[in-house]
């Protein structure tokens, strides 16, 4: 419960938890593309 409360204050844009029947996918996101064969390398590039 504490983590969920803090997430509401810190995370912006789209909600982290999308409810099952929700059609609301609104909100900003940081979109990243990850290569499964190079997970670490692509993650470092995208997150940076």
ModelCIF file with pLDDT and N, C-alpha, C, O atoms, coordinates in Angstrom:
data_MODEL
#
_entry.id   MODEL 
#
_entity.id                         1 
_entity.type                       polymer 
_entity.pdbx_number_of_molecules   1 
#
_entity_poly.entity_id                      1 
_entity_poly.type                           'polypeptide(L)' 
_entity_poly.nstd_linkage                   no 
_entity_poly.nstd_monomer                   no 
_entity_poly.pdbx_seq_one_letter_code       
;(UNK)(UNK)(UNK)(UNK)(UNK)(UNK)(UNK)(UNK)(UNK)(UNK)(UNK)(UNK)(UNK)(UNK)(UNK)(UNK)
(UNK)(UNK)(UNK)(UNK)(UNK)(UNK)(UNK)(UNK)(UNK)(UNK)(UNK)(UNK)(UNK)(UNK)(UNK)(UNK)
(UNK)(UNK)(UNK)(UNK)(UNK)(UNK)(UNK)(UNK)(UNK)(UNK)(UNK)(UNK)(UNK)(UNK)(UNK)(UNK)
;
_entity_poly.pdbx_seq_one_letter_code_can   XXXXXXXXXXXXXXXXXXXXXXXXXXXXXXXXXXXXXXXXXXXXXXXX 
_entity_poly.pdbx_strand_id                 A 
#
loop_
_entity_poly_seq.entity_id 
_entity_poly_seq.num 
_entity_poly_seq.mon_id 
_entity_poly_seq.hetero 
1 1  UNK n 
1 2  UNK n 
1 3  UNK n 
1 4  UNK n 
1 5  UNK n 
1 6  UNK n 
1 7  UNK n 
1 8  UNK n 
1 9  UNK n 
1 10 UNK n 
1 11 UNK n 
1 12 UNK n 
1 13 UNK n 
1 14 UNK n 
1 15 UNK n 
1 16 UNK n 
1 17 UNK n 
1 18 UNK n 
1 19 UNK n 
1 20 UNK n 
1 21 UNK n 
1 22 UNK n 
1 23 UNK n 
1 24 UNK n 
1 25 UNK n 
1 26 UNK n 
1 27 UNK n 
1 28 UNK n 
1 29 UNK n 
1 30 UNK n 
1 31 UNK n 
1 32 UNK n 
1 33 UNK n 
1 34 UNK n 
1 35 UNK n 
1 36 UNK n 
1 37 UNK n 
1 38 UNK n 
1 39 UNK n 
1 40 UNK n 
1 41 UNK n 
1 42 UNK n 
1 43 UNK n 
1 44 UNK n 
1 45 UNK n 
1 46 UNK n 
1 47 UNK n 
1 48 UNK n 
#
_struct_asym.id          A 
_struct_asym.entity_id   1 
#
loop_
_ma_qa_metric.id 
_ma_qa_metric.mode 
_ma_qa_metric.name 
_ma_qa_metric.software_group_id 
_ma_qa_metric.type 
1 global pLDDT . pLDDT 
2 local  pLDDT . pLDDT 
#
_ma_qa_metric_global.metric_id      1 
_ma_qa_metric_global.metric_value   78.77 
_ma_qa_metric_global.model_id       1 
_ma_qa_metric_global.ordinal_id     1 
#
loop_
_ma_qa_metric_local.label_asym_id 
_ma_qa_metric_local.label_comp_id 
_ma_qa_metric_local.label_seq_id 
_ma_qa_metric_local.metric_id 
_ma_qa_metric_local.metric_value 
_ma_qa_metric_local.model_id 
_ma_qa_metric_local.ordinal_id 
A UNK 1  2 83.00 1 1  
A UNK 2  2 81.00 1 2  
A UNK 3  2 77.00 1 3  
A UNK 4  2 78.00 1 4  
A UNK 5  2 79.00 1 5  
A UNK 6  2 77.00 1 6  
A UNK 7  2 74.00 1 7  
A UNK 8  2 74.00 1 8  
A UNK 9  2 75.00 1 9  
A UNK 10 2 73.00 1 10 
A UNK 11 2 73.00 1 11 
A UNK 12 2 74.00 1 12 
A UNK 13 2 71.00 1 13 
A UNK 14 2 71.00 1 14 
A UNK 15 2 67.00 1 15 
A UNK 16 2 63.00 1 16 
A UNK 17 2 63.00 1 17 
A UNK 18 2 61.00 1 18 
A UNK 19 2 59.00 1 19 
A UNK 20 2 56.00 1 20 
A UNK 21 2 53.00 1 21 
A UNK 22 2 54.00 1 22 
A UNK 23 2 53.00 1 23 
A UNK 24 2 56.00 1 24 
A UNK 25 2 63.00 1 25 
A UNK 26 2 69.00 1 26 
A UNK 27 2 75.00 1 27 
A UNK 28 2 83.00 1 28 
A UNK 29 2 86.00 1 29 
A UNK 30 2 88.00 1 30 
A UNK 31 2 90.00 1 31 
A UNK 32 2 92.00 1 32 
A UNK 33 2 93.00 1 33 
A UNK 34 2 93.00 1 34 
A UNK 35 2 94.00 1 35 
A UNK 36 2 92.00 1 36 
A UNK 37 2 93.00 1 37 
A UNK 38 2 94.00 1 38 
A UNK 39 2 93.00 1 39 
A UNK 40 2 92.00 1 40 
A UNK 41 2 94.00 1 41 
A UNK 42 2 95.00 1 42 
A UNK 43 2 93.00 1 43 
A UNK 44 2 92.00 1 44 
A UNK 45 2 94.00 1 45 
A UNK 46 2 94.00 1 46 
A UNK 47 2 92.00 1 47 
A UNK 48 2 92.00 1 48 
#
loop_
_atom_site.group_PDB 
_atom_site.id 
_atom_site.type_symbol 
_atom_site.label_atom_id 
_atom_site.label_alt_id 
_atom_site.label_comp_id 
_atom_site.label_asym_id 
_atom_site.label_entity_id 
_atom_site.label_seq_id 
_atom_site.pdbx_PDB_ins_code 
_atom_site.Cartn_x 
_atom_site.Cartn_y 
_atom_site.Cartn_z 
_atom_site.occupancy 
_atom_site.B_iso_or_equiv 
_atom_site.pdbx_formal_charge 
_atom_site.auth_seq_id 
_atom_site.auth_comp_id 
_atom_site.auth_asym_id 
_atom_site.auth_atom_id 
_atom_site.pdbx_PDB_model_num 
ATOM 1   N N  . UNK A 1 1  ? 0.829   -1.205  0.000   1.00 83.00 ? 1  UNK A N  1 
ATOM 2   C CA . UNK A 1 1  ? 0.000   0.000   0.000   1.00 83.00 ? 1  UNK A CA 1 
ATOM 3   C C  . UNK A 1 1  ? 0.866   1.259   0.000   1.00 83.00 ? 1  UNK A C  1 
ATOM 4   O O  . UNK A 1 1  ? 0.547   2.244   -0.666  1.00 83.00 ? 1  UNK A O  1 
ATOM 5   N N  . UNK A 1 2  ? 1.957   1.214   0.749   1.00 81.00 ? 2  UNK A N  1 
ATOM 6   C CA . UNK A 1 2  ? 2.870   2.363   0.798   1.00 81.00 ? 2  UNK A CA 1 
ATOM 7   C C  . UNK A 1 2  ? 3.490   2.611   -0.573  1.00 81.00 ? 2  UNK A C  1 
ATOM 8   O O  . UNK A 1 2  ? 3.573   3.756   -1.018  1.00 81.00 ? 2  UNK A O  1 
ATOM 9   N N  . UNK A 1 3  ? 3.924   1.548   -1.244  1.00 77.00 ? 3  UNK A N  1 
ATOM 10  C CA . UNK A 1 3  ? 4.524   1.690   -2.581  1.00 77.00 ? 3  UNK A CA 1 
ATOM 11  C C  . UNK A 1 3  ? 3.509   2.250   -3.565  1.00 77.00 ? 3  UNK A C  1 
ATOM 12  O O  . UNK A 1 3  ? 3.842   3.132   -4.357  1.00 77.00 ? 3  UNK A O  1 
ATOM 13  N N  . UNK A 1 4  ? 2.272   1.751   -3.529  1.00 78.00 ? 4  UNK A N  1 
ATOM 14  C CA . UNK A 1 4  ? 1.239   2.266   -4.433  1.00 78.00 ? 4  UNK A CA 1 
ATOM 15  C C  . UNK A 1 4  ? 0.981   3.753   -4.176  1.00 78.00 ? 4  UNK A C  1 
ATOM 16  O O  . UNK A 1 4  ? 0.788   4.522   -5.117  1.00 78.00 ? 4  UNK A O  1 
ATOM 17  N N  . UNK A 1 5  ? 0.979   4.146   -2.931  1.00 79.00 ? 5  UNK A N  1 
ATOM 18  C CA . UNK A 1 5  ? 0.777   5.550   -2.580  1.00 79.00 ? 5  UNK A CA 1 
ATOM 19  C C  . UNK A 1 5  ? 1.916   6.413   -3.132  1.00 79.00 ? 5  UNK A C  1 
ATOM 20  O O  . UNK A 1 5  ? 1.678   7.481   -3.696  1.00 79.00 ? 5  UNK A O  1 
ATOM 21  N N  . UNK A 1 6  ? 3.135   5.949   -2.967  1.00 77.00 ? 6  UNK A N  1 
ATOM 22  C CA . UNK A 1 6  ? 4.299   6.698   -3.453  1.00 77.00 ? 6  UNK A CA 1 
ATOM 23  C C  . UNK A 1 6  ? 4.315   6.741   -4.978  1.00 77.00 ? 6  UNK A C  1 
ATOM 24  O O  . UNK A 1 6  ? 4.652   7.768   -5.566  1.00 77.00 ? 6  UNK A O  1 
ATOM 25  N N  . UNK A 1 7  ? 3.949   5.617   -5.630  1.00 74.00 ? 7  UNK A N  1 
ATOM 26  C CA . UNK A 1 7  ? 3.897   5.594   -7.094  1.00 74.00 ? 7  UNK A CA 1 
ATOM 27  C C  . UNK A 1 7  ? 2.957   6.662   -7.627  1.00 74.00 ? 7  UNK A C  1 
ATOM 28  O O  . UNK A 1 7  ? 3.245   7.287   -8.648  1.00 74.00 ? 7  UNK A O  1 
ATOM 29  N N  . UNK A 1 8  ? 1.838   6.879   -6.948  1.00 74.00 ? 8  UNK A N  1 
ATOM 30  C CA . UNK A 1 8  ? 0.885   7.893   -7.384  1.00 74.00 ? 8  UNK A CA 1 
ATOM 31  C C  . UNK A 1 8  ? 1.501   9.285   -7.361  1.00 74.00 ? 8  UNK A C  1 
ATOM 32  O O  . UNK A 1 8  ? 1.111   10.153  -8.142  1.00 74.00 ? 8  UNK A O  1 
ATOM 33  N N  . UNK A 1 9  ? 2.452   9.499   -6.475  1.00 75.00 ? 9  UNK A N  1 
ATOM 34  C CA . UNK A 1 9  ? 3.103   10.807  -6.361  1.00 75.00 ? 9  UNK A CA 1 
ATOM 35  C C  . UNK A 1 9  ? 4.281   10.952  -7.333  1.00 75.00 ? 9  UNK A C  1 
ATOM 36  O O  . UNK A 1 9  ? 4.577   12.054  -7.794  1.00 75.00 ? 9  UNK A O  1 
ATOM 37  N N  . UNK A 1 10 ? 4.944   9.842   -7.639  1.00 73.00 ? 10 UNK A N  1 
ATOM 38  C CA . UNK A 1 10 ? 6.168   9.902   -8.438  1.00 73.00 ? 10 UNK A CA 1 
ATOM 39  C C  . UNK A 1 10 ? 5.912   9.668   -9.923  1.00 73.00 ? 10 UNK A C  1 
ATOM 40  O O  . UNK A 1 10 ? 6.354   10.460  -10.755 1.00 73.00 ? 10 UNK A O  1 
ATOM 41  N N  . UNK A 1 11 ? 5.206   8.595   -10.268 1.00 73.00 ? 11 UNK A N  1 
ATOM 42  C CA . UNK A 1 11 ? 5.023   8.214   -11.665 1.00 73.00 ? 11 UNK A CA 1 
ATOM 43  C C  . UNK A 1 11 ? 3.969   9.107   -12.308 1.00 73.00 ? 11 UNK A C  1 
ATOM 44  O O  . UNK A 1 11 ? 2.882   9.305   -11.766 1.00 73.00 ? 11 UNK A O  1 
ATOM 45  N N  . UNK A 1 12 ? 4.319   9.645   -13.483 1.00 74.00 ? 12 UNK A N  1 
ATOM 46  C CA . UNK A 1 12 ? 3.374   10.475  -14.226 1.00 74.00 ? 12 UNK A CA 1 
ATOM 47  C C  . UNK A 1 12 ? 3.039   9.792   -15.542 1.00 74.00 ? 12 UNK A C  1 
ATOM 48  O O  . UNK A 1 12 ? 3.618   8.758   -15.875 1.00 74.00 ? 12 UNK A O  1 
ATOM 49  N N  . UNK A 1 13 ? 2.111   10.366  -16.286 1.00 71.00 ? 13 UNK A N  1 
ATOM 50  C CA . UNK A 1 13 ? 1.704   9.775   -17.558 1.00 71.00 ? 13 UNK A CA 1 
ATOM 51  C C  . UNK A 1 13 ? 0.702   8.664   -17.327 1.00 71.00 ? 13 UNK A C  1 
ATOM 52  O O  . UNK A 1 13 ? -0.106  8.728   -16.401 1.00 71.00 ? 13 UNK A O  1 
ATOM 53  N N  . UNK A 1 14 ? 0.754   7.651   -18.163 1.00 71.00 ? 14 UNK A N  1 
ATOM 54  C CA . UNK A 1 14 ? -0.178  6.533   -18.076 1.00 71.00 ? 14 UNK A CA 1 
ATOM 55  C C  . UNK A 1 14 ? -0.040  5.819   -16.744 1.00 71.00 ? 14 UNK A C  1 
ATOM 56  O O  . UNK A 1 14 ? 1.059   5.722   -16.198 1.00 71.00 ? 14 UNK A O  1 
ATOM 57  N N  . UNK A 1 15 ? -1.150  5.318   -16.219 1.00 67.00 ? 15 UNK A N  1 
ATOM 58  C CA . UNK A 1 15 ? -1.107  4.564   -14.977 1.00 67.00 ? 15 UNK A CA 1 
ATOM 59  C C  . UNK A 1 15 ? -0.282  3.293   -15.175 1.00 67.00 ? 15 UNK A C  1 
ATOM 60  O O  . UNK A 1 15 ? -0.275  2.712   -16.260 1.00 67.00 ? 15 UNK A O  1 
ATOM 61  N N  . UNK A 1 16 ? 0.414   2.867   -14.114 1.00 63.00 ? 16 UNK A N  1 
ATOM 62  C CA . UNK A 1 16 ? 1.207   1.642   -14.186 1.00 63.00 ? 16 UNK A CA 1 
ATOM 63  C C  . UNK A 1 16 ? 0.324   0.413   -14.314 1.00 63.00 ? 16 UNK A C  1 
ATOM 64  O O  . UNK A 1 16 ? 0.630   -0.491  -15.091 1.00 63.00 ? 16 UNK A O  1 
ATOM 65  N N  . UNK A 1 17 ? -0.763  0.369   -13.563 1.00 63.00 ? 17 UNK A N  1 
ATOM 66  C CA . UNK A 1 17 ? -1.650  -0.787  -13.571 1.00 63.00 ? 17 UNK A CA 1 
ATOM 67  C C  . UNK A 1 17 ? -2.899  -0.470  -14.375 1.00 63.00 ? 17 UNK A C  1 
ATOM 68  O O  . UNK A 1 17 ? -3.718  0.357   -13.973 1.00 63.00 ? 17 UNK A O  1 
ATOM 69  N N  . UNK A 1 18 ? -3.038  -1.139  -15.523 1.00 61.00 ? 18 UNK A N  1 
ATOM 70  C CA . UNK A 1 18 ? -4.210  -0.991  -16.366 1.00 61.00 ? 18 UNK A CA 1 
ATOM 71  C C  . UNK A 1 18 ? -5.211  -2.059  -15.943 1.00 61.00 ? 18 UNK A C  1 
ATOM 72  O O  . UNK A 1 18 ? -4.877  -3.242  -15.884 1.00 61.00 ? 18 UNK A O  1 
ATOM 73  N N  . UNK A 1 19 ? -6.424  -1.643  -15.652 1.00 59.00 ? 19 UNK A N  1 
ATOM 74  C CA . UNK A 1 19 ? -7.434  -2.602  -15.237 1.00 59.00 ? 19 UNK A CA 1 
ATOM 75  C C  . UNK A 1 19 ? -7.865  -3.437  -16.434 1.00 59.00 ? 19 UNK A C  1 
ATOM 76  O O  . UNK A 1 19 ? -7.816  -2.975  -17.573 1.00 59.00 ? 19 UNK A O  1 
ATOM 77  N N  . UNK A 1 20 ? -8.289  -4.676  -16.167 1.00 56.00 ? 20 UNK A N  1 
ATOM 78  C CA . UNK A 1 20 ? -8.568  -5.664  -17.200 1.00 56.00 ? 20 UNK A CA 1 
ATOM 79  C C  . UNK A 1 20 ? -9.517  -5.175  -18.291 1.00 56.00 ? 20 UNK A C  1 
ATOM 80  O O  . UNK A 1 20 ? -9.221  -5.351  -19.473 1.00 56.00 ? 20 UNK A O  1 
ATOM 81  N N  . UNK A 1 21 ? -10.639 -4.571  -17.934 1.00 53.00 ? 21 UNK A N  1 
ATOM 82  C CA . UNK A 1 21 ? -11.623 -4.157  -18.917 1.00 53.00 ? 21 UNK A CA 1 
ATOM 83  C C  . UNK A 1 21 ? -11.504 -2.688  -19.310 1.00 53.00 ? 21 UNK A C  1 
ATOM 84  O O  . UNK A 1 21 ? -12.398 -2.138  -19.953 1.00 53.00 ? 21 UNK A O  1 
ATOM 85  N N  . UNK A 1 22 ? -10.424 -2.068  -18.931 1.00 54.00 ? 22 UNK A N  1 
ATOM 86  C CA . UNK A 1 22 ? -10.242 -0.648  -19.201 1.00 54.00 ? 22 UNK A CA 1 
ATOM 87  C C  . UNK A 1 22 ? -9.866  -0.427  -20.662 1.00 54.00 ? 22 UNK A C  1 
ATOM 88  O O  . UNK A 1 22 ? -9.025  -1.134  -21.218 1.00 54.00 ? 22 UNK A O  1 
ATOM 89  N N  . UNK A 1 23 ? -10.492 0.551   -21.259 1.00 53.00 ? 23 UNK A N  1 
ATOM 90  C CA . UNK A 1 23 ? -10.125 0.938   -22.616 1.00 53.00 ? 23 UNK A CA 1 
ATOM 91  C C  . UNK A 1 23 ? -9.322  2.235   -22.591 1.00 53.00 ? 23 UNK A C  1 
ATOM 92  O O  . UNK A 1 23 ? -8.955  2.765   -23.640 1.00 53.00 ? 23 UNK A O  1 
ATOM 93  N N  . UNK A 1 24 ? -9.054  2.740   -21.395 1.00 56.00 ? 24 UNK A N  1 
ATOM 94  C CA . UNK A 1 24 ? -8.316  3.984   -21.246 1.00 56.00 ? 24 UNK A CA 1 
ATOM 95  C C  . UNK A 1 24 ? -6.821  3.710   -21.225 1.00 56.00 ? 24 UNK A C  1 
ATOM 96  O O  . UNK A 1 24 ? -6.275  3.235   -20.228 1.00 56.00 ? 24 UNK A O  1 
ATOM 97  N N  . UNK A 1 25 ? -6.178  4.012   -22.320 1.00 63.00 ? 25 UNK A N  1 
ATOM 98  C CA . UNK A 1 25 ? -4.724  3.883   -22.375 1.00 63.00 ? 25 UNK A CA 1 
ATOM 99  C C  . UNK A 1 25 ? -4.099  5.259   -22.512 1.00 63.00 ? 25 UNK A C  1 
ATOM 100 O O  . UNK A 1 25 ? -2.998  5.403   -23.045 1.00 63.00 ? 25 UNK A O  1 
ATOM 101 N N  . UNK A 1 26 ? -4.802  6.258   -22.030 1.00 69.00 ? 26 UNK A N  1 
ATOM 102 C CA . UNK A 1 26 ? -4.312  7.616   -22.143 1.00 69.00 ? 26 UNK A CA 1 
ATOM 103 C C  . UNK A 1 26 ? -3.142  7.883   -21.229 1.00 69.00 ? 26 UNK A C  1 
ATOM 104 O O  . UNK A 1 26 ? -2.863  7.130   -20.296 1.00 69.00 ? 26 UNK A O  1 
ATOM 105 N N  . UNK A 1 27 ? -2.472  8.964   -21.520 1.00 75.00 ? 27 UNK A N  1 
ATOM 106 C CA . UNK A 1 27 ? -1.328  9.364   -20.712 1.00 75.00 ? 27 UNK A CA 1 
ATOM 107 C C  . UNK A 1 27 ? -0.027  9.143   -21.451 1.00 75.00 ? 27 UNK A C  1 
ATOM 108 O O  . UNK A 1 27 ? 0.099   8.245   -22.283 1.00 75.00 ? 27 UNK A O  1 
ATOM 109 N N  . UNK A 1 28 ? 0.925   9.978   -21.129 1.00 83.00 ? 28 UNK A N  1 
ATOM 110 C CA . UNK A 1 28 ? 2.243   9.891   -21.756 1.00 83.00 ? 28 UNK A CA 1 
ATOM 111 C C  . UNK A 1 28 ? 2.982   8.630   -21.320 1.00 83.00 ? 28 UNK A C  1 
ATOM 112 O O  . UNK A 1 28 ? 2.775   8.113   -20.222 1.00 83.00 ? 28 UNK A O  1 
ATOM 113 N N  . UNK A 1 29 ? 3.845   8.151   -22.208 1.00 86.00 ? 29 UNK A N  1 
ATOM 114 C CA . UNK A 1 29 ? 4.724   7.031   -21.872 1.00 86.00 ? 29 UNK A CA 1 
ATOM 115 C C  . UNK A 1 29 ? 6.106   7.290   -22.465 1.00 86.00 ? 29 UNK A C  1 
ATOM 116 O O  . UNK A 1 29 ? 6.255   8.036   -23.433 1.00 86.00 ? 29 UNK A O  1 
ATOM 117 N N  . UNK A 1 30 ? 7.100   6.666   -21.871 1.00 88.00 ? 30 UNK A N  1 
ATOM 118 C CA . UNK A 1 30 ? 8.437   6.596   -22.451 1.00 88.00 ? 30 UNK A CA 1 
ATOM 119 C C  . UNK A 1 30 ? 8.490   5.264   -23.192 1.00 88.00 ? 30 UNK A C  1 
ATOM 120 O O  . UNK A 1 30 ? 8.629   4.210   -22.571 1.00 88.00 ? 30 UNK A O  1 
ATOM 121 N N  . UNK A 1 31 ? 8.379   5.312   -24.520 1.00 90.00 ? 31 UNK A N  1 
ATOM 122 C CA . UNK A 1 31 ? 8.348   4.097   -25.331 1.00 90.00 ? 31 UNK A CA 1 
ATOM 123 C C  . UNK A 1 31 ? 9.783   3.657   -25.636 1.00 90.00 ? 31 UNK A C  1 
ATOM 124 O O  . UNK A 1 31 ? 10.583  4.438   -26.151 1.00 90.00 ? 31 UNK A O  1 
ATOM 125 N N  . UNK A 1 32 ? 10.097  2.410   -25.317 1.00 92.00 ? 32 UNK A N  1 
ATOM 126 C CA . UNK A 1 32 ? 11.424  1.883   -25.632 1.00 92.00 ? 32 UNK A CA 1 
ATOM 127 C C  . UNK A 1 32 ? 11.278  0.590   -26.429 1.00 92.00 ? 32 UNK A C  1 
ATOM 128 O O  . UNK A 1 32 ? 10.341  -0.181  -26.221 1.00 92.00 ? 32 UNK A O  1 
ATOM 129 N N  . UNK A 1 33 ? 12.216  0.368   -27.341 1.00 93.00 ? 33 UNK A N  1 
ATOM 130 C CA . UNK A 1 33 ? 12.270  -0.860  -28.134 1.00 93.00 ? 33 UNK A CA 1 
ATOM 131 C C  . UNK A 1 33 ? 13.451  -1.687  -27.649 1.00 93.00 ? 33 UNK A C  1 
ATOM 132 O O  . UNK A 1 33 ? 14.581  -1.202  -27.593 1.00 93.00 ? 33 UNK A O  1 
ATOM 133 N N  . UNK A 1 34 ? 13.180  -2.937  -27.301 1.00 93.00 ? 34 UNK A N  1 
ATOM 134 C CA . UNK A 1 34 ? 14.207  -3.797  -26.729 1.00 93.00 ? 34 UNK A CA 1 
ATOM 135 C C  . UNK A 1 34 ? 14.440  -4.997  -27.629 1.00 93.00 ? 34 UNK A C  1 
ATOM 136 O O  . UNK A 1 34 ? 13.495  -5.632  -28.097 1.00 93.00 ? 34 UNK A O  1 
ATOM 137 N N  . UNK A 1 35 ? 15.706  -5.299  -27.866 1.00 94.00 ? 35 UNK A N  1 
ATOM 138 C CA . UNK A 1 35 ? 16.125  -6.470  -28.641 1.00 94.00 ? 35 UNK A CA 1 
ATOM 139 C C  . UNK A 1 35 ? 16.333  -7.632  -27.672 1.00 94.00 ? 35 UNK A C  1 
ATOM 140 O O  . UNK A 1 35 ? 17.199  -7.559  -26.801 1.00 94.00 ? 35 UNK A O  1 
ATOM 141 N N  . UNK A 1 36 ? 15.556  -8.692  -27.813 1.00 92.00 ? 36 UNK A N  1 
ATOM 142 C CA . UNK A 1 36 ? 15.683  -9.844  -26.901 1.00 92.00 ? 36 UNK A CA 1 
ATOM 143 C C  . UNK A 1 36 ? 17.071  -10.483 -26.963 1.00 92.00 ? 36 UNK A C  1 
ATOM 144 O O  . UNK A 1 36 ? 17.528  -11.073 -25.984 1.00 92.00 ? 36 UNK A O  1 
ATOM 145 N N  . UNK A 1 37 ? 17.740  -10.366 -28.110 1.00 93.00 ? 37 UNK A N  1 
ATOM 146 C CA . UNK A 1 37 ? 19.078  -10.941 -28.252 1.00 93.00 ? 37 UNK A CA 1 
ATOM 147 C C  . UNK A 1 37 ? 20.158  -10.039 -27.656 1.00 93.00 ? 37 UNK A C  1 
ATOM 148 O O  . UNK A 1 37 ? 21.293  -10.472 -27.455 1.00 93.00 ? 37 UNK A O  1 
ATOM 149 N N  . UNK A 1 38 ? 19.806  -8.798  -27.377 1.00 94.00 ? 38 UNK A N  1 
ATOM 150 C CA . UNK A 1 38 ? 20.732  -7.825  -26.789 1.00 94.00 ? 38 UNK A CA 1 
ATOM 151 C C  . UNK A 1 38 ? 20.007  -7.026  -25.718 1.00 94.00 ? 38 UNK A C  1 
ATOM 152 O O  . UNK A 1 38 ? 20.000  -5.796  -25.764 1.00 94.00 ? 38 UNK A O  1 
ATOM 153 N N  . UNK A 1 39 ? 19.404  -7.699  -24.767 1.00 93.00 ? 39 UNK A N  1 
ATOM 154 C CA . UNK A 1 39 ? 18.580  -7.029  -23.767 1.00 93.00 ? 39 UNK A CA 1 
ATOM 155 C C  . UNK A 1 39 ? 19.367  -5.939  -23.046 1.00 93.00 ? 39 UNK A C  1 
ATOM 156 O O  . UNK A 1 39 ? 18.912  -4.798  -22.967 1.00 93.00 ? 39 UNK A O  1 
ATOM 157 N N  . UNK A 1 40 ? 20.526  -6.274  -22.527 1.00 92.00 ? 40 UNK A N  1 
ATOM 158 C CA . UNK A 1 40 ? 21.304  -5.318  -21.756 1.00 92.00 ? 40 UNK A CA 1 
ATOM 159 C C  . UNK A 1 40 ? 21.736  -4.132  -22.609 1.00 92.00 ? 40 UNK A C  1 
ATOM 160 O O  . UNK A 1 40 ? 21.571  -2.982  -22.202 1.00 92.00 ? 40 UNK A O  1 
ATOM 161 N N  . UNK A 1 41 ? 22.282  -4.402  -23.778 1.00 94.00 ? 41 UNK A N  1 
ATOM 162 C CA . UNK A 1 41 ? 22.776  -3.324  -24.627 1.00 94.00 ? 41 UNK A CA 1 
ATOM 163 C C  . UNK A 1 41 ? 21.646  -2.403  -25.060 1.00 94.00 ? 41 UNK A C  1 
ATOM 164 O O  . UNK A 1 41 ? 21.775  -1.181  -24.982 1.00 94.00 ? 41 UNK A O  1 
ATOM 165 N N  . UNK A 1 42 ? 20.538  -2.983  -25.516 1.00 95.00 ? 42 UNK A N  1 
ATOM 166 C CA . UNK A 1 42 ? 19.437  -2.128  -25.969 1.00 95.00 ? 42 UNK A CA 1 
ATOM 167 C C  . UNK A 1 42 ? 18.794  -1.383  -24.800 1.00 95.00 ? 42 UNK A C  1 
ATOM 168 O O  . UNK A 1 42 ? 18.348  -0.248  -24.969 1.00 95.00 ? 42 UNK A O  1 
ATOM 169 N N  . UNK A 1 43 ? 18.738  -1.997  -23.623 1.00 93.00 ? 43 UNK A N  1 
ATOM 170 C CA . UNK A 1 43 ? 18.186  -1.323  -22.440 1.00 93.00 ? 43 UNK A CA 1 
ATOM 171 C C  . UNK A 1 43 ? 19.052  -0.125  -22.065 1.00 93.00 ? 43 UNK A C  1 
ATOM 172 O O  . UNK A 1 43 ? 18.525  0.953   -21.787 1.00 93.00 ? 43 UNK A O  1 
ATOM 173 N N  . UNK A 1 44 ? 20.366  -0.298  -22.054 1.00 92.00 ? 44 UNK A N  1 
ATOM 174 C CA . UNK A 1 44 ? 21.265  0.810   -21.716 1.00 92.00 ? 44 UNK A CA 1 
ATOM 175 C C  . UNK A 1 44 ? 21.109  1.959   -22.703 1.00 92.00 ? 44 UNK A C  1 
ATOM 176 O O  . UNK A 1 44 ? 21.090  3.122   -22.299 1.00 92.00 ? 44 UNK A O  1 
ATOM 177 N N  . UNK A 1 45 ? 20.997  1.646   -23.990 1.00 94.00 ? 45 UNK A N  1 
ATOM 178 C CA . UNK A 1 45 ? 20.831  2.686   -25.010 1.00 94.00 ? 45 UNK A CA 1 
ATOM 179 C C  . UNK A 1 45 ? 19.498  3.412   -24.838 1.00 94.00 ? 45 UNK A C  1 
ATOM 180 O O  . UNK A 1 45 ? 19.455  4.642   -24.856 1.00 94.00 ? 45 UNK A O  1 
ATOM 181 N N  . UNK A 1 46 ? 18.430  2.669   -24.676 1.00 94.00 ? 46 UNK A N  1 
ATOM 182 C CA . UNK A 1 46 ? 17.090  3.257   -24.612 1.00 94.00 ? 46 UNK A CA 1 
ATOM 183 C C  . UNK A 1 46 ? 16.881  4.060   -23.325 1.00 94.00 ? 46 UNK A C  1 
ATOM 184 O O  . UNK A 1 46 ? 16.363  5.176   -23.374 1.00 94.00 ? 46 UNK A O  1 
ATOM 185 N N  . UNK A 1 47 ? 17.275  3.510   -22.185 1.00 92.00 ? 47 UNK A N  1 
ATOM 186 C CA . UNK A 1 47 ? 17.066  4.196   -20.908 1.00 92.00 ? 47 UNK A CA 1 
ATOM 187 C C  . UNK A 1 47 ? 17.929  5.451   -20.821 1.00 92.00 ? 47 UNK A C  1 
ATOM 188 O O  . UNK A 1 47 ? 17.488  6.469   -20.286 1.00 92.00 ? 47 UNK A O  1 
ATOM 189 N N  . UNK A 1 48 ? 19.143  5.387   -21.338 1.00 92.00 ? 48 UNK A N  1 
ATOM 190 C CA . UNK A 1 48 ? 20.028  6.563   -21.312 1.00 92.00 ? 48 UNK A CA 1 
ATOM 191 C C  . UNK A 1 48 ? 19.432  7.730   -22.102 1.00 92.00 ? 48 UNK A C  1 
ATOM 192 O O  . UNK A 1 48 ? 20.043  8.795   -22.185 1.00 92.00 ? 48 UNK A O  1 
#
